[in-house]
Amino acid sequence: MASKMLHTCIRVKDLDKSLDFYTNVLGLKESRRLDFPEHQFTLVYLAFDNSDYELELTYNYDQETAYDLGNGYGHIAIGVDNIKELHEKQVAAGLNVTDFKGLPGLEFGYYFITDPDGYKIEVIPN
């Protein structure tokens, strides 16, 4: 039986803010969108050019308060080619970015950035 990971779903309160973050800050591109106005929700799928794995943003029209992320969510991880340059750019933009965390043997290690809904994304070198 052949299997593969397809997507991860997160619920977002403000679709425009989330799309801005994931496309302009992290570089994902919208791959498809499914609107269900009669059921008051939209699904937007995002992916990197070199990957068929997607991030699904679920936007419920009537969500007025922030989602409770609970204590079970960890993070999403992305790999980037120039981690130092991206980190400097995100810090300069005033985004919610941590300092670099160290791992033995890695020059810059990794860091976390937080999206508009409070989801943590780990940024690591490719």
N, C-alpha and C. Protein backbone atom coordinates (compact mmCIF):
# COMPACT_ATOMS: atom_id res chain seq x y z
N MET A 1 0.84 -1.18 0.00
CA MET A 1 0.00 0.00 0.00
C MET A 1 0.89 1.25 0.00
N ALA A 2 0.76 2.08 -1.02
CA ALA A 2 1.53 3.31 -1.11
C ALA A 2 0.80 4.42 -0.37
N SER A 3 1.52 5.14 0.45
CA SER A 3 0.93 6.24 1.20
C SER A 3 1.87 7.43 1.19
N LYS A 4 1.32 8.63 1.38
CA LYS A 4 2.13 9.82 1.52
C LYS A 4 1.33 10.87 2.27
N MET A 5 2.04 11.77 2.89
CA MET A 5 1.39 12.89 3.59
C MET A 5 0.86 13.86 2.54
N LEU A 6 -0.37 14.38 2.74
CA LEU A 6 -0.99 15.27 1.77
C LEU A 6 -1.06 16.72 2.23
N HIS A 7 -1.59 16.94 3.44
CA HIS A 7 -1.69 18.31 3.92
C HIS A 7 -1.86 18.36 5.43
N THR A 8 -1.65 19.55 5.97
CA THR A 8 -1.93 19.86 7.37
C THR A 8 -2.95 20.98 7.37
N CYS A 9 -3.96 20.86 8.21
CA CYS A 9 -5.02 21.86 8.30
C CYS A 9 -4.86 22.69 9.57
N ILE A 10 -4.97 24.01 9.42
CA ILE A 10 -5.08 24.89 10.58
C ILE A 10 -6.26 25.82 10.35
N ARG A 11 -6.94 26.18 11.43
CA ARG A 11 -8.07 27.10 11.34
C ARG A 11 -7.57 28.52 11.59
N VAL A 12 -8.02 29.44 10.75
CA VAL A 12 -7.56 30.83 10.84
C VAL A 12 -8.75 31.76 11.02
N LYS A 13 -8.54 32.80 11.80
CA LYS A 13 -9.61 33.76 12.09
C LYS A 13 -9.75 34.80 10.97
N ASP A 14 -8.64 35.29 10.44
CA ASP A 14 -8.65 36.32 9.40
C ASP A 14 -7.90 35.77 8.19
N LEU A 15 -8.63 35.37 7.17
CA LEU A 15 -8.03 34.72 6.01
C LEU A 15 -7.03 35.63 5.31
N ASP A 16 -7.36 36.90 5.16
CA ASP A 16 -6.45 37.82 4.46
C ASP A 16 -5.12 37.97 5.20
N LYS A 17 -5.16 38.12 6.51
CA LYS A 17 -3.93 38.22 7.30
C LYS A 17 -3.11 36.95 7.19
N SER A 18 -3.78 35.81 7.27
CA SER A 18 -3.07 34.53 7.18
C SER A 18 -2.46 34.32 5.81
N LEU A 19 -3.20 34.65 4.75
CA LEU A 19 -2.65 34.52 3.41
C LEU A 19 -1.46 35.44 3.22
N ASP A 20 -1.53 36.65 3.73
CA ASP A 20 -0.41 37.58 3.64
C ASP A 20 0.82 36.99 4.34
N PHE A 21 0.61 36.44 5.53
CA PHE A 21 1.72 35.86 6.28
C PHE A 21 2.34 34.68 5.54
N TYR A 22 1.54 33.72 5.15
CA TYR A 22 2.09 32.50 4.56
C TYR A 22 2.64 32.70 3.15
N THR A 23 2.10 33.67 2.39
CA THR A 23 2.62 33.90 1.05
C THR A 23 3.76 34.92 1.04
N ASN A 24 3.58 36.05 1.70
CA ASN A 24 4.59 37.11 1.65
C ASN A 24 5.72 36.93 2.65
N VAL A 25 5.46 36.34 3.80
CA VAL A 25 6.51 36.15 4.81
C VAL A 25 7.23 34.83 4.61
N LEU A 26 6.49 33.75 4.34
CA LEU A 26 7.11 32.44 4.24
C LEU A 26 7.28 31.94 2.81
N GLY A 27 6.63 32.56 1.84
CA GLY A 27 6.86 32.21 0.44
C GLY A 27 6.03 31.08 -0.13
N LEU A 28 4.99 30.64 0.58
CA LEU A 28 4.11 29.63 -0.01
C LEU A 28 3.24 30.29 -1.07
N LYS A 29 2.67 29.47 -1.94
CA LYS A 29 1.78 29.97 -2.99
C LYS A 29 0.45 29.24 -2.90
N GLU A 30 -0.61 29.99 -3.20
CA GLU A 30 -1.93 29.36 -3.19
C GLU A 30 -2.02 28.38 -4.34
N SER A 31 -2.34 27.12 -4.01
CA SER A 31 -2.44 26.10 -5.05
C SER A 31 -3.88 25.84 -5.46
N ARG A 32 -4.80 26.05 -4.53
CA ARG A 32 -6.23 25.90 -4.86
C ARG A 32 -7.06 26.47 -3.72
N ARG A 33 -8.33 26.73 -4.05
CA ARG A 33 -9.26 27.30 -3.08
C ARG A 33 -10.63 26.68 -3.31
N LEU A 34 -11.27 26.30 -2.22
CA LEU A 34 -12.63 25.77 -2.28
C LEU A 34 -13.51 26.63 -1.39
N ASP A 35 -14.48 27.31 -1.99
CA ASP A 35 -15.41 28.17 -1.25
C ASP A 35 -16.74 27.46 -1.07
N PHE A 36 -17.25 27.52 0.14
CA PHE A 36 -18.54 26.93 0.46
C PHE A 36 -19.40 27.97 1.18
N PRO A 37 -19.82 29.03 0.46
CA PRO A 37 -20.56 30.11 1.12
C PRO A 37 -21.87 29.65 1.77
N GLU A 38 -22.50 28.64 1.19
CA GLU A 38 -23.75 28.15 1.78
C GLU A 38 -23.51 27.48 3.14
N HIS A 39 -22.28 27.05 3.38
CA HIS A 39 -21.92 26.45 4.67
C HIS A 39 -20.99 27.36 5.47
N GLN A 40 -20.72 28.54 4.93
CA GLN A 40 -19.95 29.60 5.59
C GLN A 40 -18.52 29.21 5.94
N PHE A 41 -17.82 28.59 4.98
CA PHE A 41 -16.39 28.37 5.18
C PHE A 41 -15.67 28.29 3.84
N THR A 42 -14.36 28.56 3.90
CA THR A 42 -13.48 28.50 2.74
C THR A 42 -12.24 27.71 3.11
N LEU A 43 -11.77 26.90 2.19
CA LEU A 43 -10.52 26.17 2.35
C LEU A 43 -9.52 26.71 1.33
N VAL A 44 -8.35 27.11 1.80
CA VAL A 44 -7.30 27.58 0.90
C VAL A 44 -6.08 26.69 1.13
N TYR A 45 -5.56 26.14 0.04
CA TYR A 45 -4.41 25.25 0.10
C TYR A 45 -3.18 25.99 -0.41
N LEU A 46 -2.09 25.89 0.35
CA LEU A 46 -0.85 26.57 0.02
C LEU A 46 0.27 25.55 -0.06
N ALA A 47 1.24 25.81 -0.96
CA ALA A 47 2.38 24.90 -1.08
C ALA A 47 3.59 25.68 -1.59
N PHE A 48 4.77 25.12 -1.37
CA PHE A 48 5.97 25.64 -1.99
C PHE A 48 6.04 25.11 -3.41
N ASP A 49 6.75 25.82 -4.28
CA ASP A 49 6.87 25.40 -5.69
C ASP A 49 7.40 23.99 -5.84
N ASN A 50 8.33 23.59 -4.99
CA ASN A 50 9.01 22.31 -5.15
C ASN A 50 8.37 21.19 -4.34
N SER A 51 7.12 21.36 -3.91
CA SER A 51 6.50 20.35 -3.04
C SER A 51 5.03 20.19 -3.36
N ASP A 52 4.54 18.96 -3.22
CA ASP A 52 3.10 18.75 -3.39
C ASP A 52 2.39 18.64 -2.04
N TYR A 53 3.15 18.75 -0.94
CA TYR A 53 2.56 18.78 0.40
C TYR A 53 1.97 20.16 0.63
N GLU A 54 0.75 20.21 1.16
CA GLU A 54 0.05 21.48 1.29
C GLU A 54 -0.29 21.82 2.73
N LEU A 55 -0.41 23.11 2.97
CA LEU A 55 -0.96 23.64 4.21
C LEU A 55 -2.37 24.10 3.88
N GLU A 56 -3.34 23.57 4.59
CA GLU A 56 -4.74 23.95 4.37
C GLU A 56 -5.14 24.98 5.42
N LEU A 57 -5.57 26.15 4.96
CA LEU A 57 -6.13 27.16 5.86
C LEU A 57 -7.64 27.04 5.81
N THR A 58 -8.25 26.74 6.94
CA THR A 58 -9.70 26.65 7.02
C THR A 58 -10.22 27.95 7.63
N TYR A 59 -11.05 28.66 6.88
CA TYR A 59 -11.60 29.93 7.32
C TYR A 59 -13.11 29.78 7.50
N ASN A 60 -13.57 29.84 8.73
CA ASN A 60 -15.00 29.81 9.04
C ASN A 60 -15.49 31.24 9.15
N TYR A 61 -16.49 31.59 8.34
CA TYR A 61 -16.94 32.98 8.23
C TYR A 61 -17.38 33.57 9.57
N ASP A 62 -17.96 32.77 10.44
CA ASP A 62 -18.55 33.32 11.66
C ASP A 62 -17.63 33.29 12.87
N GLN A 63 -16.33 32.99 12.68
CA GLN A 63 -15.40 32.92 13.82
C GLN A 63 -15.03 34.34 14.26
N GLU A 64 -15.52 34.75 15.41
CA GLU A 64 -15.27 36.11 15.89
C GLU A 64 -14.12 36.20 16.88
N THR A 65 -13.80 35.12 17.55
CA THR A 65 -12.72 35.14 18.53
C THR A 65 -11.56 34.26 18.04
N ALA A 66 -10.41 34.48 18.64
CA ALA A 66 -9.24 33.67 18.28
C ALA A 66 -9.50 32.22 18.66
N TYR A 67 -8.95 31.31 17.88
CA TYR A 67 -9.07 29.89 18.19
C TYR A 67 -8.22 29.56 19.41
N ASP A 68 -8.68 28.62 20.22
CA ASP A 68 -7.90 28.11 21.34
C ASP A 68 -7.01 27.00 20.79
N LEU A 69 -5.70 27.27 20.76
CA LEU A 69 -4.79 26.30 20.17
C LEU A 69 -4.52 25.12 21.10
N GLY A 70 -4.90 25.23 22.34
CA GLY A 70 -4.70 24.13 23.27
C GLY A 70 -3.24 23.91 23.59
N ASN A 71 -2.93 22.80 24.23
CA ASN A 71 -1.55 22.53 24.58
C ASN A 71 -0.98 21.33 23.81
N GLY A 72 -1.68 20.87 22.80
CA GLY A 72 -1.21 19.72 22.04
C GLY A 72 -0.49 20.10 20.75
N TYR A 73 -0.73 21.29 20.24
CA TYR A 73 -0.08 21.71 18.99
C TYR A 73 1.39 22.01 19.25
N GLY A 74 2.25 21.54 18.38
CA GLY A 74 3.68 21.82 18.50
C GLY A 74 4.09 22.90 17.52
N HIS A 75 4.36 22.51 16.28
CA HIS A 75 4.75 23.48 15.27
C HIS A 75 4.76 22.80 13.89
N ILE A 76 4.80 23.65 12.88
CA ILE A 76 5.05 23.26 11.50
C ILE A 76 6.52 23.61 11.26
N ALA A 77 7.24 22.85 10.47
CA ALA A 77 8.63 23.17 10.16
C ALA A 77 8.80 23.39 8.67
N ILE A 78 9.59 24.40 8.31
CA ILE A 78 9.95 24.64 6.91
C ILE A 78 11.46 24.76 6.81
N GLY A 79 12.00 24.34 5.69
CA GLY A 79 13.42 24.47 5.42
C GLY A 79 13.65 25.60 4.44
N VAL A 80 14.68 26.41 4.70
CA VAL A 80 15.00 27.54 3.82
C VAL A 80 16.48 27.50 3.46
N ASP A 81 16.82 28.11 2.32
CA ASP A 81 18.20 28.11 1.85
C ASP A 81 19.07 29.12 2.60
N ASN A 82 18.56 30.31 2.87
CA ASN A 82 19.38 31.34 3.51
C ASN A 82 18.71 31.77 4.81
N ILE A 83 18.89 30.99 5.85
CA ILE A 83 18.18 31.20 7.10
C ILE A 83 18.55 32.52 7.78
N LYS A 84 19.82 32.89 7.73
CA LYS A 84 20.25 34.13 8.38
C LYS A 84 19.61 35.35 7.72
N GLU A 85 19.62 35.38 6.40
CA GLU A 85 19.03 36.50 5.66
C GLU A 85 17.52 36.60 5.93
N LEU A 86 16.82 35.46 5.91
CA LEU A 86 15.38 35.47 6.15
C LEU A 86 15.07 35.93 7.57
N HIS A 87 15.83 35.46 8.53
CA HIS A 87 15.62 35.86 9.93
C HIS A 87 15.80 37.37 10.08
N GLU A 88 16.86 37.92 9.51
CA GLU A 88 17.10 39.36 9.59
C GLU A 88 15.95 40.15 8.97
N LYS A 89 15.45 39.69 7.84
CA LYS A 89 14.34 40.35 7.15
C LYS A 89 13.07 40.32 8.01
N GLN A 90 12.79 39.17 8.63
CA GLN A 90 11.59 39.05 9.45
C GLN A 90 11.70 39.86 10.73
N VAL A 91 12.86 39.91 11.34
CA VAL A 91 13.08 40.74 12.53
C VAL A 91 12.88 42.20 12.17
N ALA A 92 13.48 42.64 11.04
CA ALA A 92 13.36 44.03 10.60
C ALA A 92 11.91 44.41 10.31
N ALA A 93 11.10 43.44 9.89
CA ALA A 93 9.68 43.70 9.59
C ALA A 93 8.83 43.73 10.86
N GLY A 94 9.44 43.46 12.02
CA GLY A 94 8.71 43.50 13.28
C GLY A 94 7.83 42.29 13.52
N LEU A 95 8.13 41.18 12.86
CA LEU A 95 7.33 39.97 13.04
C LEU A 95 7.69 39.29 14.36
N ASN A 96 6.83 38.41 14.82
CA ASN A 96 7.04 37.69 16.07
C ASN A 96 8.00 36.53 15.81
N VAL A 97 9.31 36.82 15.97
CA VAL A 97 10.38 35.90 15.64
C VAL A 97 11.27 35.71 16.86
N THR A 98 11.67 34.48 17.14
CA THR A 98 12.59 34.23 18.25
C THR A 98 14.03 34.44 17.79
N ASP A 99 14.93 34.49 18.74
CA ASP A 99 16.35 34.44 18.43
C ASP A 99 16.66 33.03 17.95
N PHE A 100 17.84 32.86 17.38
CA PHE A 100 18.26 31.53 16.95
C PHE A 100 18.43 30.62 18.16
N LYS A 101 17.99 29.40 17.99
CA LYS A 101 18.20 28.34 18.97
C LYS A 101 19.34 27.48 18.43
N GLY A 102 20.16 26.95 19.30
CA GLY A 102 21.32 26.21 18.84
C GLY A 102 21.12 24.71 18.81
N LEU A 103 21.67 24.11 17.80
CA LEU A 103 21.80 22.66 17.71
C LEU A 103 23.27 22.37 17.45
N PRO A 104 23.82 21.38 18.08
CA PRO A 104 25.24 21.07 17.87
C PRO A 104 25.56 20.86 16.39
N GLY A 105 26.62 21.51 15.94
CA GLY A 105 27.09 21.32 14.57
C GLY A 105 26.44 22.18 13.52
N LEU A 106 25.44 22.98 13.87
CA LEU A 106 24.80 23.86 12.89
C LEU A 106 25.19 25.30 13.18
N GLU A 107 25.60 26.01 12.14
CA GLU A 107 26.08 27.38 12.31
C GLU A 107 25.00 28.30 12.88
N PHE A 108 23.80 28.27 12.29
CA PHE A 108 22.76 29.19 12.73
C PHE A 108 21.62 28.50 13.47
N GLY A 109 21.59 27.19 13.51
CA GLY A 109 20.53 26.50 14.23
C GLY A 109 19.18 26.69 13.58
N TYR A 110 18.21 27.13 14.38
CA TYR A 110 16.83 27.29 13.91
C TYR A 110 16.18 28.39 14.73
N TYR A 111 15.01 28.83 14.28
CA TYR A 111 14.23 29.79 15.05
C TYR A 111 12.76 29.54 14.79
N PHE A 112 11.92 30.21 15.56
CA PHE A 112 10.48 30.10 15.40
C PHE A 112 9.90 31.46 15.04
N ILE A 113 8.89 31.43 14.18
CA ILE A 113 8.09 32.61 13.85
C ILE A 113 6.64 32.23 14.14
N THR A 114 5.85 33.20 14.58
CA THR A 114 4.46 32.95 14.95
C THR A 114 3.54 33.63 13.93
N ASP A 115 2.55 32.89 13.44
CA ASP A 115 1.61 33.44 12.46
C ASP A 115 0.54 34.28 13.16
N PRO A 116 -0.36 34.94 12.42
CA PRO A 116 -1.37 35.81 13.03
C PRO A 116 -2.32 35.12 14.01
N ASP A 117 -2.46 33.80 13.90
CA ASP A 117 -3.35 33.08 14.81
C ASP A 117 -2.61 32.44 15.98
N GLY A 118 -1.31 32.62 16.07
CA GLY A 118 -0.54 32.07 17.18
C GLY A 118 0.12 30.74 16.90
N TYR A 119 0.00 30.23 15.66
CA TYR A 119 0.66 28.97 15.32
C TYR A 119 2.16 29.22 15.18
N LYS A 120 2.95 28.31 15.71
CA LYS A 120 4.41 28.41 15.63
C LYS A 120 4.90 27.66 14.39
N ILE A 121 5.86 28.30 13.69
CA ILE A 121 6.50 27.69 12.54
C ILE A 121 8.00 27.67 12.82
N GLU A 122 8.60 26.49 12.79
CA GLU A 122 10.04 26.37 12.98
C GLU A 122 10.71 26.57 11.63
N VAL A 123 11.71 27.41 11.60
CA VAL A 123 12.47 27.66 10.37
C VAL A 123 13.85 27.06 10.57
N ILE A 124 14.20 26.12 9.67
CA ILE A 124 15.47 25.42 9.79
C ILE A 124 16.21 25.51 8.45
N PRO A 125 17.54 25.38 8.46
CA PRO A 125 18.27 25.42 7.19
C PRO A 125 18.03 24.15 6.38
N ASN A 126 17.97 24.30 5.05
CA ASN A 126 17.86 23.14 4.17
C ASN A 126 19.11 22.30 4.26
